């Protein structure tokens, strides 16, 4: 089951580090980095059904952003 509750210690520090990691990258490099991060973390999770659930959740979130 996908945990969508806050589960990251020092969440603000995590977000700041994520944003800082994109500094100096072009838009295409930033997209490539995001894609690489998704693949790395998906490999770490290792559960295809959980990953599918996360993808569906992320898509719904993106669709609501407009």
C-alpha atoms as a PDB file:
ATOM      1  CA  UNK A   1       0.000   0.000   0.000  1.00  0.00           C
ATOM      2  CA  UNK A   2       1.334   3.398  -1.008  1.00  0.00           C
ATOM      3  CA  UNK A   3       2.049   5.699   1.922  1.00  0.00           C
ATOM      4  CA  UNK A   4       0.991   9.230   0.959  1.00  0.00           C
ATOM      5  CA  UNK A   5       1.371  10.628   4.485  1.00  0.00           C
ATOM      6  CA  UNK A   6       4.454  12.687   5.322  1.00  0.00           C
ATOM      7  CA  UNK A   7       7.150  10.088   5.949  1.00  0.00           C
ATOM      8  CA  UNK A   8      10.412  11.961   5.410  1.00  0.00           C
ATOM      9  CA  UNK A   9      12.442  13.145   8.377  1.00  0.00           C
ATOM     10  CA  UNK A  10      13.460  16.765   7.806  1.00  0.00           C
ATOM     11  CA  UNK A  11      11.083  17.118   4.842  1.00  0.00           C
ATOM     12  CA  UNK A  12      12.017  20.773   4.310  1.00  0.00           C
ATOM     13  CA  UNK A  13      15.714  19.859   4.137  1.00  0.00           C
ATOM     14  CA  UNK A  14      14.921  17.109   1.633  1.00  0.00           C
ATOM     15  CA  UNK A  15      12.955  19.506  -0.580  1.00  0.00           C
ATOM     16  CA  UNK A  16      15.669  22.169  -0.401  1.00  0.00           C
ATOM     17  CA  UNK A  17      18.299  19.594  -1.384  1.00  0.00           C
ATOM     18  CA  UNK A  18      16.147  18.384  -4.284  1.00  0.00           C
ATOM     19  CA  UNK A  19      15.689  21.933  -5.586  1.00  0.00           C
ATOM     20  CA  UNK A  20      19.388  22.760  -5.122  1.00  0.00           C
ATOM     21  CA  UNK A  21      20.365  19.640  -7.070  1.00  0.00           C
ATOM     22  CA  UNK A  22      18.721  21.152 -10.157  1.00  0.00           C
ATOM     23  CA  UNK A  23      20.651  24.430  -9.997  1.00  0.00           C
ATOM     24  CA  UNK A  24      22.771  25.015 -13.085  1.00  0.00           C
ATOM     25  CA  UNK A  25      21.001  22.352 -15.148  1.00  0.00           C
ATOM     26  CA  UNK A  26      19.187  23.097 -18.377  1.00  0.00           C
ATOM     27  CA  UNK A  27      15.510  22.192 -18.572  1.00  0.00           C
ATOM     28  CA  UNK A  28      16.322  18.998 -20.471  1.00  0.00           C
ATOM     29  CA  UNK A  29      19.051  18.069 -17.979  1.00  0.00           C
ATOM     30  CA  UNK A  30      16.622  18.711 -15.120  1.00  0.00           C
ATOM     31  CA  UNK A  31      14.029  16.440 -16.748  1.00  0.00           C
ATOM     32  CA  UNK A  32      16.704  13.782 -17.290  1.00  0.00           C
ATOM     33  CA  UNK A  33      17.759  14.019 -13.655  1.00  0.00           C
ATOM     34  CA  UNK A  34      14.141  13.639 -12.500  1.00  0.00           C
ATOM     35  CA  UNK A  35      13.710  10.595 -14.738  1.00  0.00           C
ATOM     36  CA  UNK A  36      16.928   9.053 -13.418  1.00  0.00           C
ATOM     37  CA  UNK A  37      15.830   9.689  -9.836  1.00  0.00           C
ATOM     38  CA  UNK A  38      12.467   8.014 -10.485  1.00  0.00           C
ATOM     39  CA  UNK A  39      14.191   4.952 -11.952  1.00  0.00           C
ATOM     40  CA  UNK A  40      16.752   4.749  -9.129  1.00  0.00           C
ATOM     41  CA  UNK A  41      14.090   5.022  -6.427  1.00  0.00           C
ATOM     42  CA  UNK A  42      11.785   2.598  -8.260  1.00  0.00           C
ATOM     43  CA  UNK A  43      14.592   0.070  -8.358  1.00  0.00           C
ATOM     44  CA  UNK A  44      15.131   0.594  -4.637  1.00  0.00           C
ATOM     45  CA  UNK A  45      11.414   0.059  -3.892  1.00  0.00           C
ATOM     46  CA  UNK A  46      11.371  -3.014  -6.111  1.00  0.00           C
ATOM     47  CA  UNK A  47       7.618  -3.692  -5.857  1.00  0.00           C
ATOM     48  CA  UNK A  48       5.978  -3.251  -9.277  1.00  0.00           C
ATOM     49  CA  UNK A  49       2.434  -2.969  -7.911  1.00  0.00           C
ATOM     50  CA  UNK A  50       3.494  -0.283  -5.437  1.00  0.00           C
ATOM     51  CA  UNK A  51       5.353   1.565  -8.191  1.00  0.00           C
ATOM     52  CA  UNK A  52       2.258   1.411 -10.432  1.00  0.00           C
ATOM     53  CA  UNK A  53       0.177   2.826  -7.580  1.00  0.00           C
ATOM     54  CA  UNK A  54       2.694   5.653  -7.119  1.00  0.00           C
ATOM     55  CA  UNK A  55       2.682   6.425 -10.853  1.00  0.00           C
ATOM     56  CA  UNK A  56      -1.122   6.595 -10.896  1.00  0.00           C
ATOM     57  CA  UNK A  57      -1.117   8.860  -7.834  1.00  0.00           C
ATOM     58  CA  UNK A  58       1.494  11.162  -9.370  1.00  0.00           C
ATOM     59  CA  UNK A  59      -0.473  11.365 -12.616  1.00  0.00           C
ATOM     60  CA  UNK A  60      -3.686  12.305 -10.787  1.00  0.00           C
ATOM     61  CA  UNK A  61      -1.758  14.978  -8.905  1.00  0.00           C
ATOM     62  CA  UNK A  62      -0.330  16.349 -12.168  1.00  0.00           C
ATOM     63  CA  UNK A  63      -3.745  16.387 -13.838  1.00  0.00           C
ATOM     64  CA  UNK A  64      -5.143  18.476 -10.967  1.00  0.00           C
ATOM     65  CA  UNK A  65      -2.338  21.052 -11.214  1.00  0.00           C
ATOM     66  CA  UNK A  66      -3.847  22.918 -14.184  1.00  0.00           C
END
